[in-house]
Protein backbone atom coordinates (compact mmCIF):
# COMPACT_ATOMS: atom_id res chain seq x y z
CA MET A 1 92.92 47.96 96.50
CA ALA A 2 93.88 48.20 92.84
CA SER A 3 97.32 47.94 91.26
CA PHE A 4 99.06 48.23 87.90
CA LYS A 5 102.55 47.77 86.43
CA CYS A 6 103.76 49.32 83.18
CA ALA A 7 105.58 46.04 82.49
CA ASP A 8 102.20 44.26 82.39
CA ILE A 9 101.37 46.10 79.15
CA GLY A 10 104.75 45.54 77.55
CA MET A 11 106.52 48.73 78.58
CA ALA A 12 110.19 48.49 79.56
CA CYS A 13 109.45 50.41 82.73
CA GLY A 14 109.49 49.57 86.44
CA PHE A 15 106.61 51.90 87.34
CA GLU A 16 103.92 50.43 89.61
CA VAL A 17 100.72 51.71 91.18
CA LYS A 18 99.97 49.92 94.45
CA GLY A 19 97.17 50.44 96.94
CA ALA A 20 94.95 52.62 94.77
CA LYS A 21 91.35 52.73 95.99
CA ASP A 22 89.91 51.72 92.60
CA ALA A 23 90.55 51.45 88.86
CA GLY A 24 89.73 55.13 88.37
CA GLU A 25 92.51 56.16 90.72
CA VAL A 26 94.93 53.78 88.95
CA MET A 27 93.98 55.32 85.60
CA ALA A 28 94.57 58.86 86.89
CA ILE A 29 97.97 57.98 88.36
CA ALA A 30 98.98 56.02 85.27
CA ALA A 31 97.92 58.88 82.97
CA ALA A 32 100.11 61.33 84.90
CA HIS A 33 103.02 58.86 84.76
CA ALA A 34 102.53 58.23 81.02
CA LYS A 35 102.70 61.96 80.34
CA SER A 36 105.70 62.72 82.55
CA SER A 37 107.79 59.60 81.93
CA HIS A 38 106.78 58.35 78.50
CA GLY A 39 105.72 61.58 76.76
CA ILE A 40 102.21 60.21 76.14
CA SER A 41 99.84 63.09 76.78
CA SER A 42 96.89 61.61 74.90
CA PRO A 43 97.03 57.81 75.02
CA PRO A 44 95.43 56.01 72.07
CA PRO A 45 92.32 53.90 72.77
CA ASP A 46 94.19 50.60 72.35
CA LEU A 47 96.69 51.59 75.05
CA VAL A 48 93.88 52.65 77.40
CA ALA A 49 92.16 49.31 76.82
CA LYS A 50 95.40 47.41 77.60
CA LEU A 51 95.84 49.40 80.79
CA GLN A 52 92.26 48.79 81.90
CA LYS A 53 92.67 45.03 81.35
CA ALA A 54 95.98 45.00 83.25
CA ILE A 55 94.59 46.62 86.43
CA LYS A 56 94.47 44.12 89.26
CA ALA A 57 91.78 44.61 91.88
């Protein structure tokens, strides 16, 4: 199971993904959250890289 917290990449946000089947699922859920909660519809490559590094398997 994979997980992620917005706080792990420096966001002042309590959002967490828990129990995702893999990093791909975490990325999809996080992308939807980023768009709806943070107004980030097209995350820059550096943010994507931070997110990928912060995913815990």
